C-alpha atoms as a PDB file:
ATOM      1  CA  MET A   1      54.445 -30.461 -61.788  1.00  0.00           C
ATOM      2  CA  THR A   2      54.459 -26.676 -61.524  1.00  0.00           C
ATOM      3  CA  LYS A   3      55.597 -25.155 -64.808  1.00  0.00           C
ATOM      4  CA  ARG A   4      58.577 -22.863 -65.062  1.00  0.00           C
ATOM      5  CA  ILE A   5      58.208 -20.100 -67.643  1.00  0.00           C
ATOM      6  CA  SER A   6      60.895 -18.881 -70.025  1.00  0.00           C
ATOM      7  CA  ILE A   7      61.004 -16.923 -73.280  1.00  0.00           C
ATOM      8  CA  GLY A   8      63.266 -17.157 -76.309  1.00  0.00           C
ATOM      9  CA  THR A   9      65.796 -14.336 -76.316  1.00  0.00           C
ATOM     10  CA  TRP A  10      66.106 -14.440 -80.130  1.00  0.00           C
ATOM     11  CA  ALA A  11      62.907 -12.386 -80.248  1.00  0.00           C
ATOM     12  CA  TYR A  12      65.008  -9.395 -79.159  1.00  0.00           C
ATOM     13  CA  SER A  13      67.995  -9.901 -81.457  1.00  0.00           C
ATOM     14  CA  ILE A  14      66.790 -10.860 -84.957  1.00  0.00           C
ATOM     15  CA  GLY A  15      64.136  -9.732 -87.422  1.00  0.00           C
ATOM     16  CA  PRO A  16      62.853  -6.299 -86.391  1.00  0.00           C
ATOM     17  CA  TYR A  17      65.601  -6.104 -83.752  1.00  0.00           C
ATOM     18  CA  ALA A  18      68.483  -7.121 -86.019  1.00  0.00           C
ATOM     19  CA  ASP A  19      69.753  -3.559 -86.459  1.00  0.00           C
ATOM     20  CA  LYS A  20      69.390  -2.701 -82.786  1.00  0.00           C
ATOM     21  CA  PRO A  21      69.305  -5.804 -80.582  1.00  0.00           C
ATOM     22  CA  VAL A  22      68.265  -5.426 -76.972  1.00  0.00           C
ATOM     23  CA  PRO A  23      71.478  -5.862 -74.932  1.00  0.00           C
ATOM     24  CA  PHE A  24      71.556  -9.274 -73.278  1.00  0.00           C
ATOM     25  CA  THR A  25      72.043  -7.939 -69.756  1.00  0.00           C
ATOM     26  CA  GLU A  26      68.989  -5.732 -70.260  1.00  0.00           C
ATOM     27  CA  VAL A  27      67.023  -8.764 -71.463  1.00  0.00           C
ATOM     28  CA  VAL A  28      67.880 -10.774 -68.359  1.00  0.00           C
ATOM     29  CA  THR A  29      67.114  -7.847 -66.042  1.00  0.00           C
ATOM     30  CA  LYS A  30      63.723  -7.174 -67.641  1.00  0.00           C
ATOM     31  CA  LEU A  31      62.702 -10.839 -67.663  1.00  0.00           C
ATOM     32  CA  HIS A  32      63.582 -11.098 -63.986  1.00  0.00           C
ATOM     33  CA  GLU A  33      61.478  -8.027 -63.231  1.00  0.00           C
ATOM     34  CA  LEU A  34      58.543  -9.599 -65.072  1.00  0.00           C
ATOM     35  CA  GLY A  35      58.781 -12.747 -62.959  1.00  0.00           C
ATOM     36  CA  PHE A  36      60.176 -15.177 -65.524  1.00  0.00           C
ATOM     37  CA  ASP A  37      61.755 -18.320 -64.132  1.00  0.00           C
ATOM     38  CA  GLY A  38      64.329 -18.282 -66.894  1.00  0.00           C
ATOM     39  CA  LEU A  39      65.145 -17.688 -70.518  1.00  0.00           C
ATOM     40  CA  GLU A  40      65.821 -19.768 -73.600  1.00  0.00           C
ATOM     41  CA  LEU A  41      69.036 -18.562 -75.184  1.00  0.00           C
ATOM     42  CA  GLY A  42      69.317 -17.662 -78.845  1.00  0.00           C
ATOM     43  CA  GLY A  43      73.029 -18.401 -79.107  1.00  0.00           C
ATOM     44  CA  PHE A  44      73.954 -16.222 -82.079  1.00  0.00           C
ATOM     45  CA  GLY A  45      74.501 -12.628 -83.156  1.00  0.00           C
ATOM     46  CA  VAL A  46      75.467 -10.234 -80.368  1.00  0.00           C
ATOM     47  CA  HIS A  47      73.892 -12.354 -77.642  1.00  0.00           C
ATOM     48  CA  PRO A  48      76.040 -14.962 -75.860  1.00  0.00           C
ATOM     49  CA  ASN A  49      77.253 -17.734 -78.143  1.00  0.00           C
ATOM     50  CA  PRO A  50      80.253 -20.073 -78.448  1.00  0.00           C
ATOM     51  CA  ASP A  51      82.049 -17.802 -80.903  1.00  0.00           C
ATOM     52  CA  LEU A  52      81.751 -14.691 -78.714  1.00  0.00           C
ATOM     53  CA  GLN A  53      82.414 -16.324 -75.345  1.00  0.00           C
ATOM     54  CA  LYS A  54      85.279 -18.687 -76.108  1.00  0.00           C
ATOM     55  CA  THR A  55      86.661 -19.295 -72.606  1.00  0.00           C
ATOM     56  CA  LYS A  56      85.099 -20.984 -69.601  1.00  0.00           C
ATOM     57  CA  GLU A  57      85.630 -17.779 -67.620  1.00  0.00           C
ATOM     58  CA  GLU A  58      83.654 -15.729 -70.146  1.00  0.00           C
ATOM     59  CA  ARG A  59      80.909 -18.316 -70.180  1.00  0.00           C
ATOM     60  CA  ALA A  60      80.762 -18.429 -66.381  1.00  0.00           C
ATOM     61  CA  LYS A  61      80.039 -14.684 -66.367  1.00  0.00           C
ATOM     62  CA  VAL A  62      77.132 -15.209 -68.771  1.00  0.00           C
ATOM     63  CA  ARG A  63      75.697 -17.996 -66.634  1.00  0.00           C
ATOM     64  CA  GLU A  64      76.013 -15.785 -63.566  1.00  0.00           C
ATOM     65  CA  LEU A  65      73.772 -13.178 -65.212  1.00  0.00           C
ATOM     66  CA  TRP A  66      70.707 -15.360 -64.782  1.00  0.00           C
ATOM     67  CA  GLU A  67      71.744 -17.596 -61.901  1.00  0.00           C
ATOM     68  CA  SER A  68      72.499 -14.574 -59.691  1.00  0.00           C
ATOM     69  CA  ARG A  69      68.845 -13.629 -60.116  1.00  0.00           C
ATOM     70  CA  GLY A  70      67.581 -17.099 -59.298  1.00  0.00           C
ATOM     71  CA  MET A  71      66.745 -17.842 -62.936  1.00  0.00           C
ATOM     72  CA  GLY A  72      67.551 -20.791 -65.176  1.00  0.00           C
ATOM     73  CA  CYS A  73      68.170 -21.333 -68.874  1.00  0.00           C
ATOM     74  CA  SER A  74      65.675 -23.731 -70.423  1.00  0.00           C
ATOM     75  CA  GLY A  75      67.653 -24.417 -73.585  1.00  0.00           C
ATOM     76  CA  LEU A  76      69.916 -23.260 -76.395  1.00  0.00           C
ATOM     77  CA  ALA A  77      68.785 -22.389 -79.913  1.00  0.00           C
ATOM     78  CA  ALA A  78      72.107 -23.162 -81.573  1.00  0.00           C
ATOM     79  CA  ASP A  79      73.357 -21.354 -84.638  1.00  0.00           C
ATOM     80  CA  LEU A  80      73.487 -24.207 -87.156  1.00  0.00           C
ATOM     81  CA  TRP A  81      71.959 -22.313 -90.083  1.00  0.00           C
ATOM     82  CA  SER A  82      75.239 -21.861 -91.909  1.00  0.00           C
ATOM     83  CA  GLU A  83      75.440 -25.655 -92.129  1.00  0.00           C
ATOM     84  CA  LYS A  84      73.804 -27.789 -94.823  1.00  0.00           C
ATOM     85  CA  LEU A  85      72.187 -30.779 -93.183  1.00  0.00           C
ATOM     86  CA  ILE A  86      70.658 -32.220 -96.362  1.00  0.00           C
ATOM     87  CA  THR A  87      72.689 -31.107 -99.381  1.00  0.00           C
ATOM     88  CA  ALA A  88      76.245 -31.163 -97.978  1.00  0.00           C
ATOM     89  CA  PRO A  89      78.440 -34.003 -99.274  1.00  0.00           C
ATOM     90  CA  ASP A  90      79.203 -35.108 -95.705  1.00  0.00           C
ATOM     91  CA  ASP A  91      78.235 -34.145 -92.168  1.00  0.00           C
ATOM     92  CA  SER A  92      81.670 -33.322 -90.745  1.00  0.00           C
ATOM     93  CA  SER A  93      81.120 -29.555 -90.671  1.00  0.00           C
ATOM     94  CA  TYR A  94      77.618 -29.868 -89.188  1.00  0.00           C
ATOM     95  CA  LEU A  95      78.847 -32.245 -86.486  1.00  0.00           C
ATOM     96  CA  ALA A  96      81.749 -29.973 -85.572  1.00  0.00           C
ATOM     97  CA  THR A  97      79.416 -26.996 -85.141  1.00  0.00           C
ATOM     98  CA  PHE A  98      76.943 -29.090 -83.169  1.00  0.00           C
ATOM     99  CA  LYS A  99      79.629 -30.365 -80.806  1.00  0.00           C
ATOM    100  CA  LYS A 100      80.920 -26.814 -80.303  1.00  0.00           C
ATOM    101  CA  ASN A 101      77.436 -25.824 -79.161  1.00  0.00           C
ATOM    102  CA  VAL A 102      77.074 -28.826 -76.858  1.00  0.00           C
ATOM    103  CA  ALA A 103      80.291 -27.767 -75.127  1.00  0.00           C
ATOM    104  CA  PHE A 104      78.804 -24.283 -74.786  1.00  0.00           C
ATOM    105  CA  CYS A 105      75.694 -25.845 -73.208  1.00  0.00           C
ATOM    106  CA  ASN A 106      77.824 -27.707 -70.697  1.00  0.00           C
ATOM    107  CA  ASP A 107      79.702 -24.575 -69.685  1.00  0.00           C
ATOM    108  CA  LEU A 108      76.456 -22.652 -69.188  1.00  0.00           C
ATOM    109  CA  GLY A 109      74.550 -25.436 -67.430  1.00  0.00           C
ATOM    110  CA  ILE A 110      72.058 -25.845 -70.301  1.00  0.00           C
ATOM    111  CA  ASP A 111      70.613 -29.323 -70.805  1.00  0.00           C
ATOM    112  CA  VAL A 112      68.543 -28.927 -74.005  1.00  0.00           C
ATOM    113  CA  ILE A 113      69.717 -27.983 -77.497  1.00  0.00           C
ATOM    114  CA  ARG A 114      67.371 -27.130 -80.377  1.00  0.00           C
ATOM    115  CA  VAL A 115      67.975 -28.169 -83.985  1.00  0.00           C
ATOM    116  CA  ASP A 116      66.155 -27.888 -87.308  1.00  0.00           C
ATOM    117  CA  THR A 117      66.838 -29.272 -90.775  1.00  0.00           C
ATOM    118  CA  THR A 118      68.530 -25.950 -91.798  1.00  0.00           C
ATOM    119  CA  GLU A 119      67.390 -26.082 -95.436  1.00  0.00           C
ATOM    120  CA  ASP A 120      64.351 -24.920 -97.365  1.00  0.00           C
ATOM    121  CA  PRO A 121      61.485 -27.356 -98.014  1.00  0.00           C
ATOM    122  CA  GLY A 122      62.173 -26.904-101.718  1.00  0.00           C
ATOM    123  CA  VAL A 123      65.267 -29.112-101.549  1.00  0.00           C
ATOM    124  CA  LEU A 124      62.840 -32.050-101.385  1.00  0.00           C
ATOM    125  CA  GLY A 125      60.718 -30.976-104.346  1.00  0.00           C
ATOM    126  CA  GLN A 126      58.532 -28.255-105.773  1.00  0.00           C
ATOM    127  CA  VAL A 127      56.598 -26.232-103.216  1.00  0.00           C
ATOM    128  CA  PRO A 128      53.290 -25.172-104.825  1.00  0.00           C
ATOM    129  CA  GLY A 129      53.191 -21.471-105.614  1.00  0.00           C
ATOM    130  CA  GLU A 130      56.934 -21.013-105.153  1.00  0.00           C
ATOM    131  CA  GLU A 131      59.824 -20.874-107.559  1.00  0.00           C
ATOM    132  CA  ALA A 132      61.527 -24.227-108.001  1.00  0.00           C
ATOM    133  CA  LYS A 133      64.789 -24.587-106.071  1.00  0.00           C
ATOM    134  CA  PRO A 134      67.932 -25.421-108.048  1.00  0.00           C
ATOM    135  CA  VAL A 135      68.999 -28.245-105.745  1.00  0.00           C
ATOM    136  CA  GLN A 136      66.706 -31.150-105.013  1.00  0.00           C
ATOM    137  CA  VAL A 137      67.565 -34.313-103.121  1.00  0.00           C
ATOM    138  CA  PRO A 138      65.563 -37.526-103.400  1.00  0.00           C
ATOM    139  CA  TYR A 139      63.423 -37.932-100.305  1.00  0.00           C
ATOM    140  CA  ALA A 140      64.918 -41.252 -99.227  1.00  0.00           C
ATOM    141  CA  ASP A 141      68.458 -39.900 -99.534  1.00  0.00           C
ATOM    142  CA  ALA A 142      67.593 -36.750 -97.594  1.00  0.00           C
ATOM    143  CA  LEU A 143      65.924 -38.748 -94.827  1.00  0.00           C
ATOM    144  CA  LYS A 144      68.925 -41.046 -94.564  1.00  0.00           C
ATOM    145  CA  ARG A 145      71.335 -38.094 -94.313  1.00  0.00           C
ATOM    146  CA  VAL A 146      69.282 -36.224 -91.711  1.00  0.00           C
ATOM    147  CA  ALA A 147      68.622 -39.293 -89.585  1.00  0.00           C
ATOM    148  CA  GLY A 148      72.215 -40.490 -89.710  1.00  0.00           C
ATOM    149  CA  THR A 149      73.618 -37.131 -88.693  1.00  0.00           C
ATOM    150  CA  TRP A 150      71.072 -36.523 -85.968  1.00  0.00           C
ATOM    151  CA  ARG A 151      71.625 -40.003 -84.555  1.00  0.00           C
ATOM    152  CA  LYS A 152      75.292 -39.100 -84.101  1.00  0.00           C
ATOM    153  CA  CYS A 153      74.258 -35.766 -82.562  1.00  0.00           C
ATOM    154  CA  ALA A 154      71.828 -37.430 -80.179  1.00  0.00           C
ATOM    155  CA  GLN A 155      74.483 -39.828 -78.936  1.00  0.00           C
ATOM    156  CA  HIS A 156      77.140 -37.129 -78.543  1.00  0.00           C
ATOM    157  CA  ALA A 157      74.698 -34.905 -76.662  1.00  0.00           C
ATOM    158  CA  ALA A 158      73.580 -37.818 -74.468  1.00  0.00           C
ATOM    159  CA  ASP A 159      77.208 -38.489 -73.569  1.00  0.00           C
ATOM    160  CA  HIS A 160      77.399 -34.881 -72.359  1.00  0.00           C
ATOM    161  CA  GLY A 161      74.055 -34.708 -70.526  1.00  0.00           C
ATOM    162  CA  VAL A 162      72.182 -32.636 -73.127  1.00  0.00           C
ATOM    163  CA  ARG A 163      68.862 -33.525 -74.768  1.00  0.00           C
ATOM    164  CA  VAL A 164      68.271 -32.828 -78.479  1.00  0.00           C
ATOM    165  CA  VAL A 165      64.920 -31.432 -79.617  1.00  0.00           C
ATOM    166  CA  TRP A 166      63.938 -30.896 -83.249  1.00  0.00           C
ATOM    167  CA  GLU A 167      61.710 -27.934 -84.059  1.00  0.00           C
ATOM    168  CA  PHE A 168      59.676 -28.840 -87.134  1.00  0.00           C
ATOM    169  CA  GLU A 169      58.172 -25.881 -88.971  1.00  0.00           C
ATOM    170  CA  PRO A 170      57.047 -24.631 -92.408  1.00  0.00           C
ATOM    171  CA  GLY A 171      60.368 -22.876 -93.028  1.00  0.00           C
ATOM    172  CA  PHE A 172      62.494 -26.012 -93.227  1.00  0.00           C
ATOM    173  CA  ALA A 173      62.443 -29.384 -94.958  1.00  0.00           C
ATOM    174  CA  PHE A 174      60.462 -32.336 -93.570  1.00  0.00           C
ATOM    175  CA  ASN A 175      57.460 -30.206 -92.661  1.00  0.00           C
ATOM    176  CA  LYS A 176      54.575 -32.629 -93.206  1.00  0.00           C
ATOM    177  CA  PRO A 177      52.980 -34.486 -90.282  1.00  0.00           C
ATOM    178  CA  SER A 178      54.111 -37.831 -91.707  1.00  0.00           C
ATOM    179  CA  ASP A 179      57.646 -36.427 -92.143  1.00  0.00           C
ATOM    180  CA  ILE A 180      57.877 -35.781 -88.428  1.00  0.00           C
ATOM    181  CA  PHE A 181      57.265 -39.404 -87.586  1.00  0.00           C
ATOM    182  CA  ARG A 182      59.512 -40.693 -90.348  1.00  0.00           C
ATOM    183  CA  VAL A 183      62.384 -38.607 -89.027  1.00  0.00           C
ATOM    184  CA  LEU A 184      61.739 -39.654 -85.423  1.00  0.00           C
ATOM    185  CA  ASP A 185      61.637 -43.317 -86.425  1.00  0.00           C
ATOM    186  CA  ALA A 186      64.695 -43.029 -88.661  1.00  0.00           C
ATOM    187  CA  VAL A 187      66.793 -41.316 -85.984  1.00  0.00           C
ATOM    188  CA  GLY A 188      65.571 -43.877 -83.479  1.00  0.00           C
ATOM    189  CA  HIS A 189      67.439 -42.526 -80.468  1.00  0.00           C
ATOM    190  CA  ASP A 190      66.075 -42.054 -76.954  1.00  0.00           C
ATOM    191  CA  ASN A 191      67.867 -38.708 -76.691  1.00  0.00           C
ATOM    192  CA  PHE A 192      66.096 -37.233 -79.712  1.00  0.00           C
ATOM    193  CA  SER A 193      62.550 -35.848 -79.634  1.00  0.00           C
ATOM    194  CA  THR A 194      60.514 -32.951 -80.989  1.00  0.00           C
ATOM    195  CA  MET A 195      60.013 -29.374 -79.928  1.00  0.00           C
ATOM    196  CA  TYR A 196      56.284 -28.744 -80.121  1.00  0.00           C
ATOM    197  CA  ASP A 197      55.645 -25.087 -80.969  1.00  0.00           C
ATOM    198  CA  THR A 198      51.938 -24.286 -81.109  1.00  0.00           C
ATOM    199  CA  CYS A 199      52.073 -21.873 -84.047  1.00  0.00           C
ATOM    200  CA  HIS A 200      54.274 -24.216 -86.091  1.00  0.00           C
ATOM    201  CA  ALA A 201      52.023 -27.150 -85.247  1.00  0.00           C
ATOM    202  CA  ASN A 202      49.043 -25.150 -86.508  1.00  0.00           C
ATOM    203  CA  MET A 203      50.686 -24.176 -89.780  1.00  0.00           C
ATOM    204  CA  VAL A 204      52.066 -27.667 -90.405  1.00  0.00           C
ATOM    205  CA  ALA A 205      49.092 -29.770 -89.365  1.00  0.00           C
ATOM    206  CA  ARG A 206      46.119 -27.537 -90.160  1.00  0.00           C
ATOM    207  CA  HIS A 207      47.353 -25.580 -93.171  1.00  0.00           C
ATOM    208  CA  GLY A 208      50.085 -27.733 -94.682  1.00  0.00           C
ATOM    209  CA  SER A 209      52.145 -24.605 -95.287  1.00  0.00           C
ATOM    210  CA  ARG A 210      55.097 -24.718 -97.692  1.00  0.00           C
ATOM    211  CA  GLN A 211      54.924 -28.466 -98.148  1.00  0.00           C
ATOM    212  CA  PRO A 212      56.507 -29.890-101.314  1.00  0.00           C
ATOM    213  CA  GLY A 213      54.184 -31.787-103.621  1.00  0.00           C
ATOM    214  CA  GLN A 214      50.853 -32.957-102.224  1.00  0.00           C
ATOM    215  CA  ARG A 215      49.681 -30.950 -99.223  1.00  0.00           C
ATOM    216  CA  GLU A 216      49.179 -33.013 -96.074  1.00  0.00           C
ATOM    217  CA  THR A 217      47.078 -31.919 -93.088  1.00  0.00           C
ATOM    218  CA  LEU A 218      45.357 -33.436 -90.074  1.00  0.00           C
ATOM    219  CA  LYS A 219      41.634 -33.023 -89.487  1.00  0.00           C
ATOM    220  CA  GLY A 220      42.253 -32.118 -85.841  1.00  0.00           C
ATOM    221  CA  GLY A 221      45.100 -29.727 -86.697  1.00  0.00           C
ATOM    222  CA  ALA A 222      47.571 -28.862 -83.970  1.00  0.00           C
ATOM    223  CA  ARG A 223      45.598 -30.731 -81.321  1.00  0.00           C
ATOM    224  CA  GLU A 224      45.637 -33.981 -83.301  1.00  0.00           C
ATOM    225  CA  LEU A 225      49.352 -33.590 -83.944  1.00  0.00           C
ATOM    226  CA  ALA A 226      49.978 -33.213 -80.215  1.00  0.00           C
ATOM    227  CA  GLU A 227      47.930 -36.340 -79.590  1.00  0.00           C
ATOM    228  CA  LYS A 228      49.940 -38.293 -82.149  1.00  0.00           C
ATOM    229  CA  LEU A 229      53.200 -37.050 -80.627  1.00  0.00           C
ATOM    230  CA  LYS A 230      52.480 -38.529 -77.208  1.00  0.00           C
ATOM    231  CA  SER A 231      55.785 -39.364 -75.481  1.00  0.00           C
ATOM    232  CA  LYS A 232      57.706 -37.776 -78.395  1.00  0.00           C
ATOM    233  CA  ILE A 233      57.725 -34.122 -77.242  1.00  0.00           C
ATOM    234  CA  GLY A 234      60.896 -32.901 -75.563  1.00  0.00           C
ATOM    235  CA  ARG A 235      60.123 -29.183 -75.237  1.00  0.00           C
ATOM    236  CA  VAL A 236      56.948 -27.086 -75.462  1.00  0.00           C
ATOM    237  CA  HIS A 237      56.811 -23.606 -77.002  1.00  0.00           C
ATOM    238  CA  LEU A 238      53.562 -21.713 -76.529  1.00  0.00           C
ATOM    239  CA  ILE A 239      52.417 -18.782 -78.657  1.00  0.00           C
ATOM    240  CA  ASP A 240      49.368 -17.871 -80.728  1.00  0.00           C
ATOM    241  CA  SER A 241      48.913 -18.265 -84.496  1.00  0.00           C
ATOM    242  CA  ASP A 242      46.944 -16.073 -86.884  1.00  0.00           C
ATOM    243  CA  ASP A 243      47.105 -18.756 -89.618  1.00  0.00           C
ATOM    244  CA  SER A 244      49.707 -16.798 -91.590  1.00  0.00           C
ATOM    245  CA  LEU A 245      53.370 -17.032 -92.519  1.00  0.00           C
ATOM    246  CA  HIS A 246      56.050 -14.465 -91.782  1.00  0.00           C
ATOM    247  CA  ASP A 247      57.687 -13.375 -95.056  1.00  0.00           C
ATOM    248  CA  ASN A 248      56.307 -16.531 -96.690  1.00  0.00           C
ATOM    249  CA  HIS A 249      58.929 -18.475 -94.787  1.00  0.00           C
ATOM    250  CA  THR A 250      57.999 -19.522 -91.275  1.00  0.00           C
ATOM    251  CA  SER A 251      54.970 -19.317 -89.006  1.00  0.00           C
ATOM    252  CA  THR A 252      53.910 -15.920 -87.692  1.00  0.00           C
ATOM    253  CA  HIS A 253      54.280 -15.760 -83.895  1.00  0.00           C
ATOM    254  CA  PRO A 254      51.650 -13.273 -82.652  1.00  0.00           C
ATOM    255  CA  PRO A 255      51.220 -12.675 -78.905  1.00  0.00           C
ATOM    256  CA  PHE A 256      48.515 -14.583 -77.062  1.00  0.00           C
ATOM    257  CA  GLY A 257      45.091 -13.218 -77.931  1.00  0.00           C
ATOM    258  CA  GLU A 258      46.174 -11.799 -81.297  1.00  0.00           C
ATOM    259  CA  GLY A 259      45.701 -15.070 -83.167  1.00  0.00           C
ATOM    260  CA  HIS A 260      43.105 -17.789 -83.574  1.00  0.00           C
ATOM    261  CA  LEU A 261      44.336 -20.726 -81.510  1.00  0.00           C
ATOM    262  CA  ASP A 262      41.880 -22.260 -79.049  1.00  0.00           C
ATOM    263  CA  PHE A 263      44.180 -23.047 -76.142  1.00  0.00           C
ATOM    264  CA  ASP A 264      41.354 -24.611 -74.141  1.00  0.00           C
ATOM    265  CA  ASP A 265      41.104 -27.193 -76.922  1.00  0.00           C
ATOM    266  CA  LEU A 266      44.859 -27.507 -77.462  1.00  0.00           C
ATOM    267  CA  MET A 267      46.392 -27.490 -73.985  1.00  0.00           C
ATOM    268  CA  PRO A 268      44.857 -30.735 -72.650  1.00  0.00           C
ATOM    269  CA  ALA A 269      46.358 -32.606 -75.616  1.00  0.00           C
ATOM    270  CA  ILE A 270      49.783 -31.022 -75.060  1.00  0.00           C
ATOM    271  CA  VAL A 271      49.712 -31.879 -71.365  1.00  0.00           C
ATOM    272  CA  ALA A 272      48.553 -35.441 -72.055  1.00  0.00           C
ATOM    273  CA  ALA A 273      51.349 -35.908 -74.616  1.00  0.00           C
ATOM    274  CA  GLY A 274      53.882 -35.483 -71.832  1.00  0.00           C
ATOM    275  CA  CYS A 275      57.277 -33.807 -71.701  1.00  0.00           C
ATOM    276  CA  PRO A 276      60.405 -34.734 -69.737  1.00  0.00           C
ATOM    277  CA  ASP A 277      60.912 -31.244 -68.300  1.00  0.00           C
ATOM    278  CA  ASP A 278      58.839 -28.617 -66.507  1.00  0.00           C
ATOM    279  CA  TRP A 279      59.510 -25.632 -68.807  1.00  0.00           C
ATOM    280  CA  TRP A 280      56.991 -23.824 -70.995  1.00  0.00           C
ATOM    281  CA  THR A 281      58.627 -21.319 -73.329  1.00  0.00           C
ATOM    282  CA  ILE A 282      57.129 -18.255 -75.026  1.00  0.00           C
ATOM    283  CA  ASP A 283      58.320 -17.676 -78.589  1.00  0.00           C
ATOM    284  CA  LEU A 284      57.867 -14.198 -80.120  1.00  0.00           C
ATOM    285  CA  CYS A 285      60.232 -14.817 -83.036  1.00  0.00           C
ATOM    286  CA  PHE A 286      60.097 -12.030 -85.671  1.00  0.00           C
ATOM    287  CA  TRP A 287      57.279 -10.206 -83.855  1.00  0.00           C
ATOM    288  CA  PRO A 288      57.751  -6.484 -84.588  1.00  0.00           C
ATOM    289  CA  ASP A 289      57.074  -5.311 -81.033  1.00  0.00           C
ATOM    290  CA  ALA A 290      58.266  -8.327 -79.056  1.00  0.00           C
ATOM    291  CA  TRP A 291      59.871  -6.303 -76.256  1.00  0.00           C
ATOM    292  CA  LYS A 292      56.594  -4.561 -75.438  1.00  0.00           C
ATOM    293  CA  ALA A 293      54.527  -7.730 -75.976  1.00  0.00           C
ATOM    294  CA  THR A 294      56.562  -9.740 -73.476  1.00  0.00           C
ATOM    295  CA  ALA A 295      54.691  -8.578 -70.368  1.00  0.00           C
ATOM    296  CA  LYS A 296      51.316  -9.341 -71.971  1.00  0.00           C
ATOM    297  CA  CYS A 297      52.497 -12.808 -72.963  1.00  0.00           C
ATOM    298  CA  LYS A 298      53.804 -13.513 -69.460  1.00  0.00           C
ATOM    299  CA  VAL A 299      50.368 -12.753 -67.992  1.00  0.00           C
ATOM    300  CA  ALA A 300      48.690 -15.008 -70.567  1.00  0.00           C
ATOM    301  CA  ILE A 301      51.027 -17.969 -70.102  1.00  0.00           C
ATOM    302  CA  ASP A 302      50.759 -17.688 -66.334  1.00  0.00           C
ATOM    303  CA  LYS A 303      47.008 -18.167 -66.721  1.00  0.00           C
ATOM    304  CA  LEU A 304      47.591 -21.230 -68.897  1.00  0.00           C
ATOM    305  CA  ALA A 305      50.033 -22.602 -66.326  1.00  0.00           C
ATOM    306  CA  GLN A 306      47.543 -22.028 -63.533  1.00  0.00           C
ATOM    307  CA  LYS A 307      44.824 -23.828 -65.490  1.00  0.00           C
ATOM    308  CA  TYR A 308      46.790 -26.609 -67.188  1.00  0.00           C
ATOM    309  CA  GLY A 309      50.251 -26.684 -65.655  1.00  0.00           C
END
């Protein structure tokens, strides 16, 4: 199928842009001018989100911004970071926030919602080279909590026509290759799959970044991880990796050509792994000059789509 191209709007509202976010209408206008098929909405801060646009009428106006230009919205990165998925005594608050965001998806015509484990890898044990975290949860207990909550989320989202994708990464707990499969198996729901981000896959599978205890990597790195995730990928994010971390927290997201990933080696494995939709999404999260880098990235991903899409 021909790939549709989007980009995460959070690149223009957090990190280097936190003090002066690019206005959302300007984002949509510029992406349309650059030939994007859509955007992936970072639903937090000053950009559209369920706490800013509370009514269906307000949300309809947001949706019209991209639909009037013939664009779509590939997904929602929901603001769940104030919630504790692992260390909270119960999941009532997390579930309420999740459901609020699913309703927002429905009002905006969005059919994919992104989640992560919300808490630092250190809650599962000592991360080598880092200060020990004050709160640690036994692995089995943490896995049971995460899987139980996400199973409820997957069912609720399925009932409302929204798919749930989990973005694994160095910045949050359950960031070893084996963790990914344990979580997938423990959730065990057809409406729950992974978001495969190329820079995160590199840092998790090749470098074992910020993993508690014994470091775990795969000989084939990001490519091998994609191969192992066949039929378990629900959304693809494409961006380069320079093998580093941003602020010793999450993977650095450099523009295409400014990192070390071999996309000719990686892309066939991603394509063969399969994905239930036709979107490929650029992610320039925390990149200091994301607004200027967007055009360059669009040219690069168009070439990948022409070759592999």
